Amino acid sequence: MSAARFFVAGKVQGVWFRASTREQAVALDLRGYANNLRDGRVEVLAVGEEAAIERLAQWLRQGPPMARVDTLLREAASESEAGEGFVCG
């Protein structure tokens, strides 16, 4: 089991980014969350198999059709930070 936190910047709020991220994460059997941040970025916590997290990271680099991702930062996270399922905040 692995955990990673992502910070996605660009045109990522108001374009269904969090909901689309949740769909991808659920399909990959990941736990965690996607939250809008006050500075316009989206924070994503993903917990699960490393290969699934990497697939989510690849998707996050582009996001849904209406999004524009300028930067994607990844940092280590703790598995204990995720609850059950994957939620949008």
PDB file of N, CA and C in Angstrom:
ATOM      1  N   MET A   1       0.853  -1.173   0.000  1.00  0.00           N
ATOM      2  CA  MET A   1       0.000   0.000   0.000  1.00  0.00           C
ATOM      3  C   MET A   1       0.899   1.236   0.000  1.00  0.00           C
ATOM      4  N   SER A   2       0.541   2.212  -0.814  1.00  0.00           N
ATOM      5  CA  SER A   2       1.287   3.462  -0.936  1.00  0.00           C
ATOM      6  C   SER A   2       0.346   4.643  -0.768  1.00  0.00           C
ATOM      7  N   ALA A   3       0.921   5.815  -0.562  1.00  0.00           N
ATOM      8  CA  ALA A   3       0.134   7.049  -0.437  1.00  0.00           C
ATOM      9  C   ALA A   3       0.908   8.192  -1.064  1.00  0.00           C
ATOM     10  N   ALA A   4       0.170   9.090  -1.729  1.00  0.00           N
ATOM     11  CA  ALA A   4       0.788  10.269  -2.339  1.00  0.00           C
ATOM     12  C   ALA A   4      -0.186  11.434  -2.291  1.00  0.00           C
ATOM     13  N   ARG A   5       0.374  12.633  -2.160  1.00  0.00           N
ATOM     14  CA  ARG A   5      -0.420  13.858  -2.208  1.00  0.00           C
ATOM     15  C   ARG A   5       0.013  14.628  -3.444  1.00  0.00           C
ATOM     16  N   PHE A   6      -0.966  15.112  -4.185  1.00  0.00           N
ATOM     17  CA  PHE A   6      -0.706  15.875  -5.401  1.00  0.00           C
ATOM     18  C   PHE A   6      -1.289  17.274  -5.257  1.00  0.00           C
ATOM     19  N   PHE A   7      -0.607  18.237  -5.843  1.00  0.00           N
ATOM     20  CA  PHE A   7      -1.120  19.599  -5.943  1.00  0.00           C
ATOM     21  C   PHE A   7      -1.156  19.939  -7.425  1.00  0.00           C
ATOM     22  N   VAL A   8      -2.362  20.221  -7.916  1.00  0.00           N
ATOM     23  CA  VAL A   8      -2.570  20.454  -9.341  1.00  0.00           C
ATOM     24  C   VAL A   8      -2.909  21.926  -9.545  1.00  0.00           C
ATOM     25  N   ALA A   9      -2.141  22.607 -10.394  1.00  0.00           N
ATOM     26  CA  ALA A   9      -2.356  24.031 -10.655  1.00  0.00           C
ATOM     27  C   ALA A   9      -2.671  24.244 -12.125  1.00  0.00           C
ATOM     28  N   GLY A  10      -3.439  25.299 -12.387  1.00  0.00           N
ATOM     29  CA  GLY A  10      -3.857  25.652 -13.740  1.00  0.00           C
ATOM     30  C   GLY A  10      -5.327  26.007 -13.710  1.00  0.00           C
ATOM     31  N   LYS A  11      -6.023  25.691 -14.761  1.00  0.00           N
ATOM     32  CA  LYS A  11      -7.477  25.874 -14.789  1.00  0.00           C
ATOM     33  C   LYS A  11      -8.090  24.566 -14.303  1.00  0.00           C
ATOM     34  N   VAL A  12      -8.176  24.439 -12.966  1.00  0.00           N
ATOM     35  CA  VAL A  12      -8.593  23.174 -12.366  1.00  0.00           C
ATOM     36  C   VAL A  12      -9.772  23.316 -11.407  1.00  0.00           C
ATOM     37  N   GLN A  13     -10.299  24.520 -11.264  1.00  0.00           N
ATOM     38  CA  GLN A  13     -11.511  24.704 -10.464  1.00  0.00           C
ATOM     39  C   GLN A  13     -12.622  25.173 -11.385  1.00  0.00           C
ATOM     40  N   GLY A  14     -13.828  24.629 -11.155  1.00  0.00           N
ATOM     41  CA  GLY A  14     -14.974  24.994 -11.973  1.00  0.00           C
ATOM     42  C   GLY A  14     -15.023  24.266 -13.306  1.00  0.00           C
ATOM     43  N   VAL A  15     -14.256  23.178 -13.427  1.00  0.00           N
ATOM     44  CA  VAL A  15     -14.218  22.420 -14.689  1.00  0.00           C
ATOM     45  C   VAL A  15     -14.417  20.924 -14.447  1.00  0.00           C
ATOM     46  N   TRP A  16     -15.076  20.575 -13.336  1.00  0.00           N
ATOM     47  CA  TRP A  16     -15.361  19.184 -12.967  1.00  0.00           C
ATOM     48  C   TRP A  16     -14.102  18.393 -12.659  1.00  0.00           C
ATOM     49  N   PHE A  17     -13.039  19.066 -12.234  1.00  0.00           N
ATOM     50  CA  PHE A  17     -11.776  18.375 -11.962  1.00  0.00           C
ATOM     51  C   PHE A  17     -11.909  17.405 -10.790  1.00  0.00           C
ATOM     52  N   ARG A  18     -12.479  17.860  -9.681  1.00  0.00           N
ATOM     53  CA  ARG A  18     -12.588  16.981  -8.501  1.00  0.00           C
ATOM     54  C   ARG A  18     -13.474  15.779  -8.767  1.00  0.00           C
ATOM     55  N   ALA A  19     -14.631  16.001  -9.381  1.00  0.00           N
ATOM     56  CA  ALA A  19     -15.547  14.892  -9.658  1.00  0.00           C
ATOM     57  C   ALA A  19     -14.919  13.899 -10.631  1.00  0.00           C
ATOM     58  N   SER A  20     -14.231  14.399 -11.633  1.00  0.00           N
ATOM     59  CA  SER A  20     -13.571  13.519 -12.594  1.00  0.00           C
ATOM     60  C   SER A  20     -12.425  12.756 -11.941  1.00  0.00           C
ATOM     61  N   THR A  21     -11.714  13.420 -11.034  1.00  0.00           N
ATOM     62  CA  THR A  21     -10.644  12.749 -10.295  1.00  0.00           C
ATOM     63  C   THR A  21     -11.215  11.627  -9.452  1.00  0.00           C
ATOM     64  N   ARG A  22     -12.348  11.889  -8.820  1.00  0.00           N
ATOM     65  CA  ARG A  22     -13.004  10.848  -8.012  1.00  0.00           C
ATOM     66  C   ARG A  22     -13.366   9.651  -8.880  1.00  0.00           C
ATOM     67  N   GLU A  23     -13.934   9.889 -10.058  1.00  0.00           N
ATOM     68  CA  GLU A  23     -14.281   8.778 -10.963  1.00  0.00           C
ATOM     69  C   GLU A  23     -13.055   7.935 -11.304  1.00  0.00           C
ATOM     70  N   GLN A  24     -11.950   8.611 -11.621  1.00  0.00           N
ATOM     71  CA  GLN A  24     -10.711   7.900 -11.947  1.00  0.00           C
ATOM     72  C   GLN A  24     -10.218   7.107 -10.737  1.00  0.00           C
ATOM     73  N   ALA A  25     -10.220   7.732  -9.564  1.00  0.00           N
ATOM     74  CA  ALA A  25      -9.713   7.079  -8.360  1.00  0.00           C
ATOM     75  C   ALA A  25     -10.551   5.862  -7.986  1.00  0.00           C
ATOM     76  N   VAL A  26     -11.864   5.987  -8.067  1.00  0.00           N
ATOM     77  CA  VAL A  26     -12.748   4.865  -7.743  1.00  0.00           C
ATOM     78  C   VAL A  26     -12.490   3.708  -8.713  1.00  0.00           C
ATOM     79  N   ALA A  27     -12.340   4.016  -9.995  1.00  0.00           N
ATOM     80  CA  ALA A  27     -12.064   2.976 -10.995  1.00  0.00           C
ATOM     81  C   ALA A  27     -10.729   2.285 -10.721  1.00  0.00           C
ATOM     82  N   LEU A  28      -9.795   3.008 -10.103  1.00  0.00           N
ATOM     83  CA  LEU A  28      -8.475   2.450  -9.787  1.00  0.00           C
ATOM     84  C   LEU A  28      -8.409   1.858  -8.383  1.00  0.00           C
ATOM     85  N   ASP A  29      -9.546   1.838  -7.676  1.00  0.00           N
ATOM     86  CA  ASP A  29      -9.644   1.289  -6.323  1.00  0.00           C
ATOM     87  C   ASP A  29      -8.736   2.035  -5.341  1.00  0.00           C
ATOM     88  N   LEU A  30      -8.726   3.355  -5.438  1.00  0.00           N
ATOM     89  CA  LEU A  30      -7.947   4.194  -4.542  1.00  0.00           C
ATOM     90  C   LEU A  30      -8.845   4.842  -3.492  1.00  0.00           C
ATOM     91  N   ARG A  31      -8.285   5.092  -2.319  1.00  0.00           N
ATOM     92  CA  ARG A  31      -8.961   5.857  -1.274  1.00  0.00           C
ATOM     93  C   ARG A  31      -8.342   7.240  -1.230  1.00  0.00           C
ATOM     94  N   GLY A  32      -9.061   8.202  -0.665  1.00  0.00           N
ATOM     95  CA  GLY A  32      -8.497   9.528  -0.493  1.00  0.00           C
ATOM     96  C   GLY A  32      -9.497  10.624  -0.730  1.00  0.00           C
ATOM     97  N   TYR A  33      -9.003  11.744  -1.292  1.00  0.00           N
ATOM     98  CA  TYR A  33      -9.888  12.886  -1.511  1.00  0.00           C
ATOM     99  C   TYR A  33      -9.324  13.817  -2.574  1.00  0.00           C
ATOM    100  N   ALA A  34     -10.203  14.689  -3.062  1.00  0.00           N
ATOM    101  CA  ALA A  34      -9.832  15.795  -3.952  1.00  0.00           C
ATOM    102  C   ALA A  34     -10.499  17.044  -3.401  1.00  0.00           C
ATOM    103  N   ASN A  35      -9.707  18.054  -3.061  1.00  0.00           N
ATOM    104  CA  ASN A  35     -10.220  19.288  -2.458  1.00  0.00           C
ATOM    105  C   ASN A  35      -9.737  20.511  -3.220  1.00  0.00           C
ATOM    106  N   ASN A  36     -10.619  21.491  -3.385  1.00  0.00           N
ATOM    107  CA  ASN A  36     -10.199  22.788  -3.892  1.00  0.00           C
ATOM    108  C   ASN A  36      -9.433  23.517  -2.794  1.00  0.00           C
ATOM    109  N   LEU A  37      -8.373  24.204  -3.184  1.00  0.00           N
ATOM    110  CA  LEU A  37      -7.626  25.044  -2.257  1.00  0.00           C
ATOM    111  C   LEU A  37      -7.929  26.508  -2.546  1.00  0.00           C
ATOM    112  N   ARG A  38      -7.778  27.352  -1.563  1.00  0.00           N
ATOM    113  CA  ARG A  38      -8.083  28.774  -1.711  1.00  0.00           C
ATOM    114  C   ARG A  38      -7.235  29.461  -2.776  1.00  0.00           C
ATOM    115  N   ASP A  39      -6.041  28.933  -3.029  1.00  0.00           N
ATOM    116  CA  ASP A  39      -5.151  29.555  -4.005  1.00  0.00           C
ATOM    117  C   ASP A  39      -5.439  29.132  -5.446  1.00  0.00           C
ATOM    118  N   GLY A  40      -6.528  28.370  -5.659  1.00  0.00           N
ATOM    119  CA  GLY A  40      -6.922  27.981  -7.009  1.00  0.00           C
ATOM    120  C   GLY A  40      -6.448  26.602  -7.431  1.00  0.00           C
ATOM    121  N   ARG A  41      -5.615  25.974  -6.611  1.00  0.00           N
ATOM    122  CA  ARG A  41      -5.155  24.624  -6.932  1.00  0.00           C
ATOM    123  C   ARG A  41      -6.140  23.589  -6.414  1.00  0.00           C
ATOM    124  N   VAL A  42      -5.931  22.336  -6.840  1.00  0.00           N
ATOM    125  CA  VAL A  42      -6.663  21.200  -6.299  1.00  0.00           C
ATOM    126  C   VAL A  42      -5.647  20.294  -5.612  1.00  0.00           C
ATOM    127  N   GLU A  43      -5.975  19.869  -4.394  1.00  0.00           N
ATOM    128  CA  GLU A  43      -5.155  18.917  -3.644  1.00  0.00           C
ATOM    129  C   GLU A  43      -5.801  17.544  -3.769  1.00  0.00           C
ATOM    130  N   VAL A  44      -5.004  16.543  -4.087  1.00  0.00           N
ATOM    131  CA  VAL A  44      -5.492  15.173  -4.230  1.00  0.00           C
ATOM    132  C   VAL A  44      -4.652  14.262  -3.345  1.00  0.00           C
ATOM    133  N   LEU A  45      -5.305  13.491  -2.489  1.00  0.00           N
ATOM    134  CA  LEU A  45      -4.641  12.465  -1.701  1.00  0.00           C
ATOM    135  C   LEU A  45      -5.078  11.124  -2.261  1.00  0.00           C
ATOM    136  N   ALA A  46      -4.118  10.260  -2.578  1.00  0.00           N
ATOM    137  CA  ALA A  46      -4.433   8.940  -3.124  1.00  0.00           C
ATOM    138  C   ALA A  46      -3.708   7.870  -2.319  1.00  0.00           C
ATOM    139  N   VAL A  47      -4.459   6.844  -1.900  1.00  0.00           N
ATOM    140  CA  VAL A  47      -3.906   5.728  -1.139  1.00  0.00           C
ATOM    141  C   VAL A  47      -4.333   4.441  -1.820  1.00  0.00           C
ATOM    142  N   GLY A  48      -3.368   3.562  -2.082  1.00  0.00           N
ATOM    143  CA  GLY A  48      -3.662   2.285  -2.720  1.00  0.00           C
ATOM    144  C   GLY A  48      -2.396   1.685  -3.300  1.00  0.00           C
ATOM    145  N   GLU A  49      -2.556   0.845  -4.286  1.00  0.00           N
ATOM    146  CA  GLU A  49      -1.410   0.226  -4.936  1.00  0.00           C
ATOM    147  C   GLU A  49      -0.612   1.275  -5.701  1.00  0.00           C
ATOM    148  N   GLU A  50       0.716   1.178  -5.652  1.00  0.00           N
ATOM    149  CA  GLU A  50       1.574   2.167  -6.302  1.00  0.00           C
ATOM    150  C   GLU A  50       1.279   2.293  -7.795  1.00  0.00           C
ATOM    151  N   ALA A  51       1.016   1.186  -8.463  1.00  0.00           N
ATOM    152  CA  ALA A  51       0.722   1.243  -9.901  1.00  0.00           C
ATOM    153  C   ALA A  51      -0.552   2.042 -10.169  1.00  0.00           C
ATOM    154  N   ALA A  52      -1.550   1.903  -9.308  1.00  0.00           N
ATOM    155  CA  ALA A  52      -2.798   2.655  -9.461  1.00  0.00           C
ATOM    156  C   ALA A  52      -2.566   4.139  -9.203  1.00  0.00           C
ATOM    157  N   ILE A  53      -1.752   4.454  -8.208  1.00  0.00           N
ATOM    158  CA  ILE A  53      -1.434   5.857  -7.925  1.00  0.00           C
ATOM    159  C   ILE A  53      -0.703   6.471  -9.115  1.00  0.00           C
ATOM    160  N   GLU A  54       0.201   5.731  -9.710  1.00  0.00           N
ATOM    161  CA  GLU A  54       0.930   6.247 -10.868  1.00  0.00           C
ATOM    162  C   GLU A  54      -0.014   6.470 -12.055  1.00  0.00           C
ATOM    163  N   ARG A  55      -0.982   5.586 -12.239  1.00  0.00           N
ATOM    164  CA  ARG A  55      -1.972   5.789 -13.317  1.00  0.00           C
ATOM    165  C   ARG A  55      -2.798   7.044 -13.046  1.00  0.00           C
ATOM    166  N   LEU A  56      -3.172   7.265 -11.790  1.00  0.00           N
ATOM    167  CA  LEU A  56      -3.903   8.485 -11.449  1.00  0.00           C
ATOM    168  C   LEU A  56      -3.022   9.701 -11.714  1.00  0.00           C
ATOM    169  N   ALA A  57      -1.748   9.631 -11.346  1.00  0.00           N
ATOM    170  CA  ALA A  57      -0.826  10.749 -11.576  1.00  0.00           C
ATOM    171  C   ALA A  57      -0.746  11.082 -13.063  1.00  0.00           C
ATOM    172  N   GLN A  58      -0.701  10.075 -13.905  1.00  0.00           N
ATOM    173  CA  GLN A  58      -0.673  10.307 -15.353  1.00  0.00           C
ATOM    174  C   GLN A  58      -1.941  11.025 -15.798  1.00  0.00           C
ATOM    175  N   TRP A  59      -3.085  10.611 -15.268  1.00  0.00           N
ATOM    176  CA  TRP A  59      -4.354  11.254 -15.619  1.00  0.00           C
ATOM    177  C   TRP A  59      -4.374  12.697 -15.106  1.00  0.00           C
ATOM    178  N   LEU A  60      -3.864  12.924 -13.885  1.00  0.00           N
ATOM    179  CA  LEU A  60      -3.869  14.265 -13.304  1.00  0.00           C
ATOM    180  C   LEU A  60      -3.053  15.256 -14.126  1.00  0.00           C
ATOM    181  N   ARG A  61      -2.071  14.783 -14.867  1.00  0.00           N
ATOM    182  CA  ARG A  61      -1.249  15.676 -15.692  1.00  0.00           C
ATOM    183  C   ARG A  61      -2.076  16.370 -16.772  1.00  0.00           C
ATOM    184  N   GLN A  62      -3.219  15.767 -17.121  1.00  0.00           N
ATOM    185  CA  GLN A  62      -4.081  16.359 -18.153  1.00  0.00           C
ATOM    186  C   GLN A  62      -5.445  16.742 -17.591  1.00  0.00           C
ATOM    187  N   GLY A  63      -6.021  15.882 -16.765  1.00  0.00           N
ATOM    188  CA  GLY A  63      -7.328  16.151 -16.179  1.00  0.00           C
ATOM    189  C   GLY A  63      -8.458  15.992 -17.176  1.00  0.00           C
ATOM    190  N   PRO A  64      -9.661  16.448 -16.808  1.00  0.00           N
ATOM    191  CA  PRO A  64     -10.819  16.330 -17.690  1.00  0.00           C
ATOM    192  C   PRO A  64     -10.713  17.315 -18.859  1.00  0.00           C
ATOM    193  N   PRO A  65     -11.569  17.155 -19.874  1.00  0.00           N
ATOM    194  CA  PRO A  65     -11.464  17.956 -21.104  1.00  0.00           C
ATOM    195  C   PRO A  65     -11.427  19.471 -20.921  1.00  0.00           C
ATOM    196  N   MET A  66     -12.175  20.030 -19.979  1.00  0.00           N
ATOM    197  CA  MET A  66     -12.234  21.483 -19.837  1.00  0.00           C
ATOM    198  C   MET A  66     -11.096  22.054 -18.990  1.00  0.00           C
ATOM    199  N   ALA A  67     -10.284  21.187 -18.404  1.00  0.00           N
ATOM    200  CA  ALA A  67      -9.195  21.634 -17.523  1.00  0.00           C
ATOM    201  C   ALA A  67      -7.934  21.958 -18.326  1.00  0.00           C
ATOM    202  N   ARG A  68      -7.060  22.722 -17.681  1.00  0.00           N
ATOM    203  CA  ARG A  68      -5.718  22.962 -18.204  1.00  0.00           C
ATOM    204  C   ARG A  68      -4.770  22.823 -17.021  1.00  0.00           C
ATOM    205  N   VAL A  69      -3.928  21.819 -17.057  1.00  0.00           N
ATOM    206  CA  VAL A  69      -2.987  21.584 -15.974  1.00  0.00           C
ATOM    207  C   VAL A  69      -1.654  22.229 -16.325  1.00  0.00           C
ATOM    208  N   ASP A  70      -1.230  23.176 -15.491  1.00  0.00           N
ATOM    209  CA  ASP A  70       0.058  23.844 -15.688  1.00  0.00           C
ATOM    210  C   ASP A  70       1.170  23.134 -14.927  1.00  0.00           C
ATOM    211  N   THR A  71       0.894  22.759 -13.686  1.00  0.00           N
ATOM    212  CA  THR A  71       1.893  22.044 -12.893  1.00  0.00           C
ATOM    213  C   THR A  71       1.229  20.973 -12.040  1.00  0.00           C
ATOM    214  N   LEU A  72       1.977  19.904 -11.831  1.00  0.00           N
ATOM    215  CA  LEU A  72       1.552  18.818 -10.950  1.00  0.00           C
ATOM    216  C   LEU A  72       2.715  18.507 -10.022  1.00  0.00           C
ATOM    217  N   LEU A  73       2.503  18.717  -8.734  1.00  0.00           N
ATOM    218  CA  LEU A  73       3.520  18.413  -7.733  1.00  0.00           C
ATOM    219  C   LEU A  73       3.080  17.188  -6.946  1.00  0.00           C
ATOM    220  N   ARG A  74       4.037  16.327  -6.633  1.00  0.00           N
ATOM    221  CA  ARG A  74       3.745  15.124  -5.852  1.00  0.00           C
ATOM    222  C   ARG A  74       4.633  15.118  -4.622  1.00  0.00           C
ATOM    223  N   GLU A  75       4.031  14.727  -3.476  1.00  0.00           N
ATOM    224  CA  GLU A  75       4.806  14.559  -2.262  1.00  0.00           C
ATOM    225  C   GLU A  75       4.322  13.322  -1.531  1.00  0.00           C
ATOM    226  N   ALA A  76       5.142  12.839  -0.627  1.00  0.00           N
ATOM    227  CA  ALA A  76       4.778  11.662   0.153  1.00  0.00           C
ATOM    228  C   ALA A  76       3.619  11.994   1.087  1.00  0.00           C
ATOM    229  N   ALA A  77       2.848  10.990   1.400  1.00  0.00           N
ATOM    230  CA  ALA A  77       1.724  11.143   2.320  1.00  0.00           C
ATOM    231  C   ALA A  77       1.620   9.879   3.163  1.00  0.00           C
ATOM    232  N   SER A  78       0.770   9.920   4.160  1.00  0.00           N
ATOM    233  CA  SER A  78       0.551   8.779   5.043  1.00  0.00           C
ATOM    234  C   SER A  78      -0.767   8.101   4.688  1.00  0.00           C
ATOM    235  N   GLU A  79      -0.761   6.785   4.693  1.00  0.00           N
ATOM    236  CA  GLU A  79      -1.982   6.022   4.417  1.00  0.00           C
ATOM    237  C   GLU A  79      -3.093   6.382   5.394  1.00  0.00           C
ATOM    238  N   SER A  80      -2.734   6.744   6.611  1.00  0.00           N
ATOM    239  CA  SER A  80      -3.725   7.027   7.653  1.00  0.00           C
ATOM    240  C   SER A  80      -4.498   8.322   7.378  1.00  0.00           C
ATOM    241  N   GLU A  81      -4.053   9.131   6.437  1.00  0.00           N
ATOM    242  CA  GLU A  81      -4.745  10.383   6.122  1.00  0.00           C
ATOM    243  C   GLU A  81      -6.040  10.169   5.347  1.00  0.00           C
ATOM    244  N   ALA A  82      -6.195   8.999   4.746  1.00  0.00           N
ATOM    245  CA  ALA A  82      -7.381   8.717   3.931  1.00  0.00           C
ATOM    246  C   ALA A  82      -8.406   7.942   4.752  1.00  0.00           C
ATOM    247  N   GLY A  83      -9.654   8.318   4.580  1.00  0.00           N
ATOM    248  CA  GLY A  83     -10.725   7.560   5.199  1.00  0.00           C
ATOM    249  C   GLY A  83     -11.159   6.449   4.258  1.00  0.00           C
ATOM    250  N   GLU A  84     -12.393   6.053   4.385  1.00  0.00           N
ATOM    251  CA  GLU A  84     -12.947   5.036   3.498  1.00  0.00           C
ATOM    252  C   GLU A  84     -13.361   5.685   2.183  1.00  0.00           C
ATOM    253  N   GLY A  85     -13.137   5.025   1.079  1.00  0.00           N
ATOM    254  CA  GLY A  85     -13.569   5.521  -0.221  1.00  0.00           C
ATOM    255  C   GLY A  85     -12.780   6.721  -0.685  1.00  0.00           C
ATOM    256  N   PHE A  86     -13.321   7.413  -1.668  1.00  0.00           N
ATOM    257  CA  PHE A  86     -12.687   8.604  -2.217  1.00  0.00           C
ATOM    258  C   PHE A  86     -13.736   9.702  -2.275  1.00  0.00           C
ATOM    259  N   VAL A  87     -13.449  10.827  -1.630  1.00  0.00           N
ATOM    260  CA  VAL A  87     -14.447  11.894  -1.492  1.00  0.00           C
ATOM    261  C   VAL A  87     -13.941  13.189  -2.095  1.00  0.00           C
ATOM    262  N   CYS A  88     -14.892  14.050  -2.432  1.00  0.00           N
ATOM    263  CA  CYS A  88     -14.584  15.403  -2.888  1.00  0.00           C
ATOM    264  C   CYS A  88     -14.984  16.375  -1.795  1.00  0.00           C
ATOM    265  N   GLY A  89     -14.107  17.303  -1.491  1.00  0.00           N
ATOM    266  CA  GLY A  89     -14.401  18.271  -0.450  1.00  0.00           C
ATOM    267  C   GLY A  89     -14.625  19.636  -1.007  1.00  0.00           C
TER     268      GLY A  89
END
